[in-house]
Amino acid sequence: FWLEAFNGDGTFSYDRITRDDVYIPSNTVS
């Protein structure tokens, strides 16, 4: 997640069996 957050222009999603799926439409973190 953090490696992709550096670019600031992408999305990110978690697909988990034991938890609700997580979709991050704006993966931008300084």
PDB file of all heavy atoms in Angstrom:
ATOM      1  N   PHE A   1       0.829  -1.206   0.000  1.00  0.00           N
ATOM      2  CA  PHE A   1       0.000   0.000   0.000  1.00  0.00           C
ATOM      3  C   PHE A   1       0.863   1.256   0.000  1.00  0.00           C
ATOM      4  O   PHE A   1       0.642   2.184  -0.775  1.00  0.00           O
ATOM      5  CB  PHE A   1      -0.912  -0.010   1.228  1.00  0.00           C
ATOM      6  CG  PHE A   1      -1.509   1.334   1.546  1.00  0.00           C
ATOM      7  CD1 PHE A   1      -2.645   1.768   0.898  1.00  0.00           C
ATOM      8  CD2 PHE A   1      -0.928   2.169   2.504  1.00  0.00           C
ATOM      9  CE1 PHE A   1      -3.198   3.014   1.189  1.00  0.00           C
ATOM     10  CE2 PHE A   1      -1.478   3.409   2.802  1.00  0.00           C
ATOM     11  CZ  PHE A   1      -2.616   3.832   2.141  1.00  0.00           C
ATOM     12  N   TRP A   2       1.871   1.284   0.881  1.00  0.00           N
ATOM     13  CA  TRP A   2       2.693   2.476   1.001  1.00  0.00           C
ATOM     14  C   TRP A   2       3.569   2.696  -0.233  1.00  0.00           C
ATOM     15  O   TRP A   2       3.789   3.842  -0.641  1.00  0.00           O
ATOM     16  CB  TRP A   2       3.548   2.395   2.256  1.00  0.00           C
ATOM     17  CG  TRP A   2       2.738   2.653   3.484  1.00  0.00           C
ATOM     18  CD1 TRP A   2       2.307   1.750   4.411  1.00  0.00           C
ATOM     19  CD2 TRP A   2       2.218   3.925   3.900  1.00  0.00           C
ATOM     20  NE1 TRP A   2       1.557   2.370   5.369  1.00  0.00           N
ATOM     21  CE2 TRP A   2       1.489   3.700   5.090  1.00  0.00           C
ATOM     22  CE3 TRP A   2       2.301   5.209   3.388  1.00  0.00           C
ATOM     23  CZ2 TRP A   2       0.850   4.725   5.766  1.00  0.00           C
ATOM     24  CZ3 TRP A   2       1.663   6.238   4.071  1.00  0.00           C
ATOM     25  CH2 TRP A   2       0.952   5.984   5.240  1.00  0.00           C
ATOM     26  N   LEU A   3       4.060   1.632  -0.818  1.00  0.00           N
ATOM     27  CA  LEU A   3       4.869   1.778  -2.019  1.00  0.00           C
ATOM     28  C   LEU A   3       4.056   2.422  -3.145  1.00  0.00           C
ATOM     29  O   LEU A   3       4.583   3.222  -3.924  1.00  0.00           O
ATOM     30  CB  LEU A   3       5.410   0.419  -2.475  1.00  0.00           C
ATOM     31  CG  LEU A   3       6.443  -0.230  -1.548  1.00  0.00           C
ATOM     32  CD1 LEU A   3       6.792  -1.625  -2.037  1.00  0.00           C
ATOM     33  CD2 LEU A   3       7.713   0.623  -1.444  1.00  0.00           C
ATOM     34  N   GLU A   4       2.772   2.091  -3.208  1.00  0.00           N
ATOM     35  CA  GLU A   4       1.917   2.675  -4.229  1.00  0.00           C
ATOM     36  C   GLU A   4       1.405   4.050  -3.820  1.00  0.00           C
ATOM     37  O   GLU A   4       1.120   4.889  -4.674  1.00  0.00           O
ATOM     38  CB  GLU A   4       0.751   1.737  -4.532  1.00  0.00           C
ATOM     39  CG  GLU A   4       1.193   0.409  -5.145  1.00  0.00           C
ATOM     40  CD  GLU A   4       0.026  -0.454  -5.586  1.00  0.00           C
ATOM     41  OE1 GLU A   4      -1.038   0.110  -5.913  1.00  0.00           O
ATOM     42  OE2 GLU A   4       0.180  -1.688  -5.605  1.00  0.00           O
ATOM     43  N   ALA A   5       1.291   4.285  -2.514  1.00  0.00           N
ATOM     44  CA  ALA A   5       0.802   5.588  -2.039  1.00  0.00           C
ATOM     45  C   ALA A   5       1.760   6.707  -2.396  1.00  0.00           C
ATOM     46  O   ALA A   5       1.368   7.868  -2.515  1.00  0.00           O
ATOM     47  CB  ALA A   5       0.586   5.552  -0.527  1.00  0.00           C
ATOM     48  N   PHE A   6       3.041   6.367  -2.571  1.00  0.00           N
ATOM     49  CA  PHE A   6       4.041   7.384  -2.889  1.00  0.00           C
ATOM     50  C   PHE A   6       3.719   8.094  -4.203  1.00  0.00           C
ATOM     51  O   PHE A   6       3.886   9.316  -4.321  1.00  0.00           O
ATOM     52  CB  PHE A   6       5.421   6.730  -2.974  1.00  0.00           C
ATOM     53  CG  PHE A   6       6.484   7.613  -3.566  1.00  0.00           C
ATOM     54  CD1 PHE A   6       7.090   8.608  -2.809  1.00  0.00           C
ATOM     55  CD2 PHE A   6       6.889   7.459  -4.883  1.00  0.00           C
ATOM     56  CE1 PHE A   6       8.069   9.425  -3.344  1.00  0.00           C
ATOM     57  CE2 PHE A   6       7.868   8.273  -5.429  1.00  0.00           C
ATOM     58  CZ  PHE A   6       8.459   9.258  -4.661  1.00  0.00           C
ATOM     59  N   ASN A   7       3.265   7.350  -5.207  1.00  0.00           N
ATOM     60  CA  ASN A   7       2.994   7.966  -6.510  1.00  0.00           C
ATOM     61  C   ASN A   7       1.851   8.957  -6.432  1.00  0.00           C
ATOM     62  O   ASN A   7       1.844   9.966  -7.144  1.00  0.00           O
ATOM     63  CB  ASN A   7       2.677   6.884  -7.544  1.00  0.00           C
ATOM     64  CG  ASN A   7       3.865   5.987  -7.809  1.00  0.00           C
ATOM     65  OD1 ASN A   7       5.006   6.425  -7.820  1.00  0.00           O
ATOM     66  ND2 ASN A   7       3.596   4.700  -8.004  1.00  0.00           N
ATOM     67  N   GLY A   8       0.867   8.668  -5.587  1.00  0.00           N
ATOM     68  CA  GLY A   8      -0.206   9.628  -5.360  1.00  0.00           C
ATOM     69  C   GLY A   8      -1.281   9.670  -6.414  1.00  0.00           C
ATOM     70  O   GLY A   8      -2.224  10.454  -6.298  1.00  0.00           O
ATOM     71  N   ASP A   9      -1.165   8.856  -7.464  1.00  0.00           N
ATOM     72  CA  ASP A   9      -2.133   8.962  -8.554  1.00  0.00           C
ATOM     73  C   ASP A   9      -2.916   7.671  -8.786  1.00  0.00           C
ATOM     74  O   ASP A   9      -3.566   7.516  -9.814  1.00  0.00           O
ATOM     75  CB  ASP A   9      -1.428   9.353  -9.858  1.00  0.00           C
ATOM     76  CG  ASP A   9      -0.350   8.332 -10.249  1.00  0.00           C
ATOM     77  OD1 ASP A   9      -0.111   7.389  -9.484  1.00  0.00           O
ATOM     78  OD2 ASP A   9       0.255   8.511 -11.326  1.00  0.00           O
ATOM     79  N   GLY A  10      -2.860   6.753  -7.813  1.00  0.00           N
ATOM     80  CA  GLY A  10      -3.507   5.463  -8.030  1.00  0.00           C
ATOM     81  C   GLY A  10      -4.599   5.172  -7.027  1.00  0.00           C
ATOM     82  O   GLY A  10      -4.980   5.998  -6.197  1.00  0.00           O
ATOM     83  N   THR A  11      -5.117   3.962  -7.128  1.00  0.00           N
ATOM     84  CA  THR A  11      -6.112   3.453  -6.190  1.00  0.00           C
ATOM     85  C   THR A  11      -5.513   2.235  -5.499  1.00  0.00           C
ATOM     86  O   THR A  11      -4.434   1.773  -5.845  1.00  0.00           O
ATOM     87  CB  THR A  11      -7.401   3.054  -6.918  1.00  0.00           C
ATOM     88  OG1 THR A  11      -7.099   1.987  -7.842  1.00  0.00           O
ATOM     89  CG2 THR A  11      -7.958   4.233  -7.695  1.00  0.00           C
ATOM     90  N   PHE A  12      -6.228   1.705  -4.527  1.00  0.00           N
ATOM     91  CA  PHE A  12      -5.752   0.508  -3.836  1.00  0.00           C
ATOM     92  C   PHE A  12      -6.941  -0.230  -3.274  1.00  0.00           C
ATOM     93  O   PHE A  12      -7.915   0.390  -2.835  1.00  0.00           O
ATOM     94  CB  PHE A  12      -4.796   0.880  -2.695  1.00  0.00           C
ATOM     95  CG  PHE A  12      -3.963  -0.275  -2.196  1.00  0.00           C
ATOM     96  CD1 PHE A  12      -2.791  -0.622  -2.842  1.00  0.00           C
ATOM     97  CD2 PHE A  12      -4.362  -1.018  -1.100  1.00  0.00           C
ATOM     98  CE1 PHE A  12      -2.026  -1.694  -2.400  1.00  0.00           C
ATOM     99  CE2 PHE A  12      -3.607  -2.081  -0.651  1.00  0.00           C
ATOM    100  CZ  PHE A  12      -2.430  -2.416  -1.303  1.00  0.00           C
ATOM    101  N   SER A  13      -6.873  -1.550  -3.307  1.00  0.00           N
ATOM    102  CA  SER A  13      -7.980  -2.337  -2.780  1.00  0.00           C
ATOM    103  C   SER A  13      -7.464  -3.521  -1.992  1.00  0.00           C
ATOM    104  O   SER A  13      -6.421  -4.095  -2.309  1.00  0.00           O
ATOM    105  CB  SER A  13      -8.886  -2.830  -3.917  1.00  0.00           C
ATOM    106  OG  SER A  13      -8.159  -3.673  -4.799  1.00  0.00           O
ATOM    107  N   TYR A  14      -8.191  -3.853  -0.935  1.00  0.00           N
ATOM    108  CA  TYR A  14      -7.936  -5.036  -0.118  1.00  0.00           C
ATOM    109  C   TYR A  14      -9.057  -6.034  -0.399  1.00  0.00           C
ATOM    110  O   TYR A  14     -10.235  -5.676  -0.345  1.00  0.00           O
ATOM    111  CB  TYR A  14      -7.988  -4.675   1.369  1.00  0.00           C
ATOM    112  CG  TYR A  14      -6.701  -4.208   1.958  1.00  0.00           C
ATOM    113  CD1 TYR A  14      -6.384  -2.863   2.010  1.00  0.00           C
ATOM    114  CD2 TYR A  14      -5.788  -5.121   2.490  1.00  0.00           C
ATOM    115  CE1 TYR A  14      -5.207  -2.427   2.576  1.00  0.00           C
ATOM    116  CE2 TYR A  14      -4.607  -4.684   3.058  1.00  0.00           C
ATOM    117  CZ  TYR A  14      -4.319  -3.342   3.101  1.00  0.00           C
ATOM    118  OH  TYR A  14      -3.158  -2.922   3.653  1.00  0.00           O
ATOM    119  N   ASP A  15      -8.693  -7.250  -0.654  1.00  0.00           N
ATOM    120  CA  ASP A  15      -9.691  -8.313  -0.791  1.00  0.00           C
ATOM    121  C   ASP A  15      -9.390  -9.348   0.284  1.00  0.00           C
ATOM    122  O   ASP A  15      -8.423 -10.102   0.192  1.00  0.00           O
ATOM    123  CB  ASP A  15      -9.612  -8.951  -2.182  1.00  0.00           C
ATOM    124  CG  ASP A  15      -9.955  -7.946  -3.273  1.00  0.00           C
ATOM    125  OD1 ASP A  15     -10.973  -7.267  -3.129  1.00  0.00           O
ATOM    126  OD2 ASP A  15      -9.205  -7.843  -4.255  1.00  0.00           O
ATOM    127  N   ARG A  16     -10.214  -9.348   1.305  1.00  0.00           N
ATOM    128  CA  ARG A  16      -9.988 -10.221   2.455  1.00  0.00           C
ATOM    129  C   ARG A  16     -11.110 -11.239   2.588  1.00  0.00           C
ATOM    130  O   ARG A  16     -12.257 -10.951   2.246  1.00  0.00           O
ATOM    131  CB  ARG A  16      -9.924  -9.397   3.746  1.00  0.00           C
ATOM    132  CG  ARG A  16      -8.822  -8.331   3.755  1.00  0.00           C
ATOM    133  CD  ARG A  16      -7.479  -8.947   4.052  1.00  0.00           C
ATOM    134  NE  ARG A  16      -6.422  -7.947   4.088  1.00  0.00           N
ATOM    135  CZ  ARG A  16      -6.101  -7.239   5.158  1.00  0.00           C
ATOM    136  NH1 ARG A  16      -6.779  -7.380   6.268  1.00  0.00           N
ATOM    137  NH2 ARG A  16      -5.105  -6.379   5.109  1.00  0.00           N
ATOM    138  N   ILE A  17     -10.798 -12.399   3.112  1.00  0.00           N
ATOM    139  CA  ILE A  17     -11.817 -13.416   3.371  1.00  0.00           C
ATOM    140  C   ILE A  17     -12.509 -13.142   4.695  1.00  0.00           C
ATOM    141  O   ILE A  17     -13.729 -13.240   4.825  1.00  0.00           O
ATOM    142  CB  ILE A  17     -11.185 -14.828   3.392  1.00  0.00           C
ATOM    143  CG1 ILE A  17     -10.640 -15.168   1.998  1.00  0.00           C
ATOM    144  CG2 ILE A  17     -12.214 -15.868   3.832  1.00  0.00           C
ATOM    145  CD1 ILE A  17      -9.920 -16.497   1.939  1.00  0.00           C
ATOM    146  N   THR A  18     -11.713 -12.756   5.691  1.00  0.00           N
ATOM    147  CA  THR A  18     -12.247 -12.617   7.043  1.00  0.00           C
ATOM    148  C   THR A  18     -12.732 -11.200   7.343  1.00  0.00           C
ATOM    149  O   THR A  18     -13.287 -10.948   8.382  1.00  0.00           O
ATOM    150  CB  THR A  18     -11.174 -12.989   8.075  1.00  0.00           C
ATOM    151  OG1 THR A  18      -9.998 -12.175   7.852  1.00  0.00           O
ATOM    152  CG2 THR A  18     -10.799 -14.447   7.933  1.00  0.00           C
ATOM    153  N   ARG A  19     -12.494 -10.254   6.422  1.00  0.00           N
ATOM    154  CA  ARG A  19     -12.936  -8.881   6.661  1.00  0.00           C
ATOM    155  C   ARG A  19     -13.649  -8.358   5.422  1.00  0.00           C
ATOM    156  O   ARG A  19     -13.562  -8.921   4.338  1.00  0.00           O
ATOM    157  CB  ARG A  19     -11.741  -7.967   6.959  1.00  0.00           C
ATOM    158  CG  ARG A  19     -10.950  -8.327   8.208  1.00  0.00           C
ATOM    159  CD  ARG A  19      -9.835  -7.326   8.397  1.00  0.00           C
ATOM    160  NE  ARG A  19      -8.943  -7.683   9.487  1.00  0.00           N
ATOM    161  CZ  ARG A  19      -7.856  -6.986   9.811  1.00  0.00           C
ATOM    162  NH1 ARG A  19      -7.532  -5.922   9.137  1.00  0.00           N
ATOM    163  NH2 ARG A  19      -7.089  -7.380  10.816  1.00  0.00           N
ATOM    164  N   ASP A  20     -14.319  -7.224   5.595  1.00  0.00           N
ATOM    165  CA  ASP A  20     -14.937  -6.585   4.444  1.00  0.00           C
ATOM    166  C   ASP A  20     -13.838  -6.099   3.498  1.00  0.00           C
ATOM    167  O   ASP A  20     -12.767  -5.668   3.926  1.00  0.00           O
ATOM    168  CB  ASP A  20     -15.792  -5.392   4.891  1.00  0.00           C
ATOM    169  CG  ASP A  20     -16.998  -5.835   5.696  1.00  0.00           C
ATOM    170  OD1 ASP A  20     -17.406  -6.998   5.528  1.00  0.00           O
ATOM    171  OD2 ASP A  20     -17.502  -5.008   6.476  1.00  0.00           O
ATOM    172  N   ASP A  21     -14.123  -6.159   2.195  1.00  0.00           N
ATOM    173  CA  ASP A  21     -13.173  -5.650   1.224  1.00  0.00           C
ATOM    174  C   ASP A  21     -13.021  -4.143   1.411  1.00  0.00           C
ATOM    175  O   ASP A  21     -13.958  -3.440   1.792  1.00  0.00           O
ATOM    176  CB  ASP A  21     -13.648  -5.940  -0.199  1.00  0.00           C
ATOM    177  CG  ASP A  21     -13.675  -7.436  -0.496  1.00  0.00           C
ATOM    178  OD1 ASP A  21     -13.035  -8.181   0.259  1.00  0.00           O
ATOM    179  OD2 ASP A  21     -14.344  -7.826  -1.471  1.00  0.00           O
ATOM    180  N   VAL A  22     -11.804  -3.654   1.138  1.00  0.00           N
ATOM    181  CA  VAL A  22     -11.520  -2.232   1.289  1.00  0.00           C
ATOM    182  C   VAL A  22     -11.061  -1.692  -0.053  1.00  0.00           C
ATOM    183  O   VAL A  22     -10.110  -2.213  -0.651  1.00  0.00           O
ATOM    184  CB  VAL A  22     -10.414  -1.987   2.347  1.00  0.00           C
ATOM    185  CG1 VAL A  22     -10.082  -0.501   2.420  1.00  0.00           C
ATOM    186  CG2 VAL A  22     -10.863  -2.500   3.707  1.00  0.00           C
ATOM    187  N   TYR A  23     -11.739  -0.666  -0.534  1.00  0.00           N
ATOM    188  CA  TYR A  23     -11.343  -0.019  -1.789  1.00  0.00           C
ATOM    189  C   TYR A  23     -10.998   1.433  -1.498  1.00  0.00           C
ATOM    190  O   TYR A  23     -11.805   2.162  -0.915  1.00  0.00           O
ATOM    191  CB  TYR A  23     -12.459  -0.097  -2.827  1.00  0.00           C
ATOM    192  CG  TYR A  23     -12.122   0.651  -4.100  1.00  0.00           C
ATOM    193  CD1 TYR A  23     -11.115   0.202  -4.958  1.00  0.00           C
ATOM    194  CD2 TYR A  23     -12.794   1.822  -4.430  1.00  0.00           C
ATOM    195  CE1 TYR A  23     -10.799   0.893  -6.115  1.00  0.00           C
ATOM    196  CE2 TYR A  23     -12.491   2.527  -5.584  1.00  0.00           C
ATOM    197  CZ  TYR A  23     -11.494   2.051  -6.425  1.00  0.00           C
ATOM    198  OH  TYR A  23     -11.160   2.754  -7.565  1.00  0.00           O
ATOM    199  N   ILE A  24      -9.788   1.833  -1.865  1.00  0.00           N
ATOM    200  CA  ILE A  24      -9.317   3.198  -1.637  1.00  0.00           C
ATOM    201  C   ILE A  24      -9.226   3.894  -2.989  1.00  0.00           C
ATOM    202  O   ILE A  24      -8.308   3.639  -3.770  1.00  0.00           O
ATOM    203  CB  ILE A  24      -7.947   3.195  -0.938  1.00  0.00           C
ATOM    204  CG1 ILE A  24      -8.025   2.402   0.376  1.00  0.00           C
ATOM    205  CG2 ILE A  24      -7.466   4.620  -0.662  1.00  0.00           C
ATOM    206  CD1 ILE A  24      -6.677   2.188   1.046  1.00  0.00           C
ATOM    207  N   PRO A  25     -10.177   4.755  -3.315  1.00  0.00           N
ATOM    208  CA  PRO A  25     -10.194   5.366  -4.647  1.00  0.00           C
ATOM    209  C   PRO A  25      -9.078   6.373  -4.878  1.00  0.00           C
ATOM    210  O   PRO A  25      -8.724   6.655  -6.014  1.00  0.00           O
ATOM    211  CB  PRO A  25     -11.567   6.054  -4.702  1.00  0.00           C
ATOM    212  CG  PRO A  25     -11.901   6.318  -3.276  1.00  0.00           C
ATOM    213  CD  PRO A  25     -11.323   5.190  -2.496  1.00  0.00           C
ATOM    214  N   SER A  26      -8.534   6.917  -3.810  1.00  0.00           N
ATOM    215  CA  SER A  26      -7.494   7.940  -3.940  1.00  0.00           C
ATOM    216  C   SER A  26      -6.365   7.622  -2.969  1.00  0.00           C
ATOM    217  O   SER A  26      -6.400   8.010  -1.812  1.00  0.00           O
ATOM    218  CB  SER A  26      -8.090   9.327  -3.636  1.00  0.00           C
ATOM    219  OG  SER A  26      -7.075  10.313  -3.641  1.00  0.00           O
ATOM    220  N   ASN A  27      -5.362   6.928  -3.453  1.00  0.00           N
ATOM    221  CA  ASN A  27      -4.265   6.488  -2.593  1.00  0.00           C
ATOM    222  C   ASN A  27      -3.132   7.516  -2.648  1.00  0.00           C
ATOM    223  O   ASN A  27      -2.156   7.352  -3.379  1.00  0.00           O
ATOM    224  CB  ASN A  27      -3.769   5.109  -3.054  1.00  0.00           C
ATOM    225  CG  ASN A  27      -2.807   4.489  -2.070  1.00  0.00           C
ATOM    226  OD1 ASN A  27      -2.683   4.940  -0.937  1.00  0.00           O
ATOM    227  ND2 ASN A  27      -2.103   3.458  -2.492  1.00  0.00           N
ATOM    228  N   THR A  28      -3.290   8.596  -1.899  1.00  0.00           N
ATOM    229  CA  THR A  28      -2.332   9.705  -1.912  1.00  0.00           C
ATOM    230  C   THR A  28      -1.990  10.083  -0.478  1.00  0.00           C
ATOM    231  O   THR A  28      -2.794  10.715   0.211  1.00  0.00           O
ATOM    232  CB  THR A  28      -2.927  10.934  -2.637  1.00  0.00           C
ATOM    233  OG1 THR A  28      -3.437  10.535  -3.903  1.00  0.00           O
ATOM    234  CG2 THR A  28      -1.868  12.010  -2.831  1.00  0.00           C
ATOM    235  N   VAL A  29      -0.813   9.684  -0.024  1.00  0.00           N
ATOM    236  CA  VAL A  29      -0.393   9.975   1.344  1.00  0.00           C
ATOM    237  C   VAL A  29       1.043  10.465   1.345  1.00  0.00           C
ATOM    238  O   VAL A  29       1.948   9.762   0.891  1.00  0.00           O
ATOM    239  CB  VAL A  29      -0.502   8.735   2.258  1.00  0.00           C
ATOM    240  CG1 VAL A  29      -0.240   9.143   3.713  1.00  0.00           C
ATOM    241  CG2 VAL A  29      -1.852   8.068   2.126  1.00  0.00           C
ATOM    242  N   SER A  30       1.248  11.684   1.817  1.00  0.00           N
ATOM    243  CA  SER A  30       2.602  12.180   2.055  1.00  0.00           C
ATOM    244  C   SER A  30       3.088  11.633   3.390  1.00  0.00           C
ATOM    245  O   SER A  30       2.280  11.269   4.253  1.00  0.00           O
ATOM    246  CB  SER A  30       2.616  13.708   2.075  1.00  0.00           C
ATOM    247  OG  SER A  30       2.249  14.242   0.817  1.00  0.00           O
TER     248      SER A  30
END
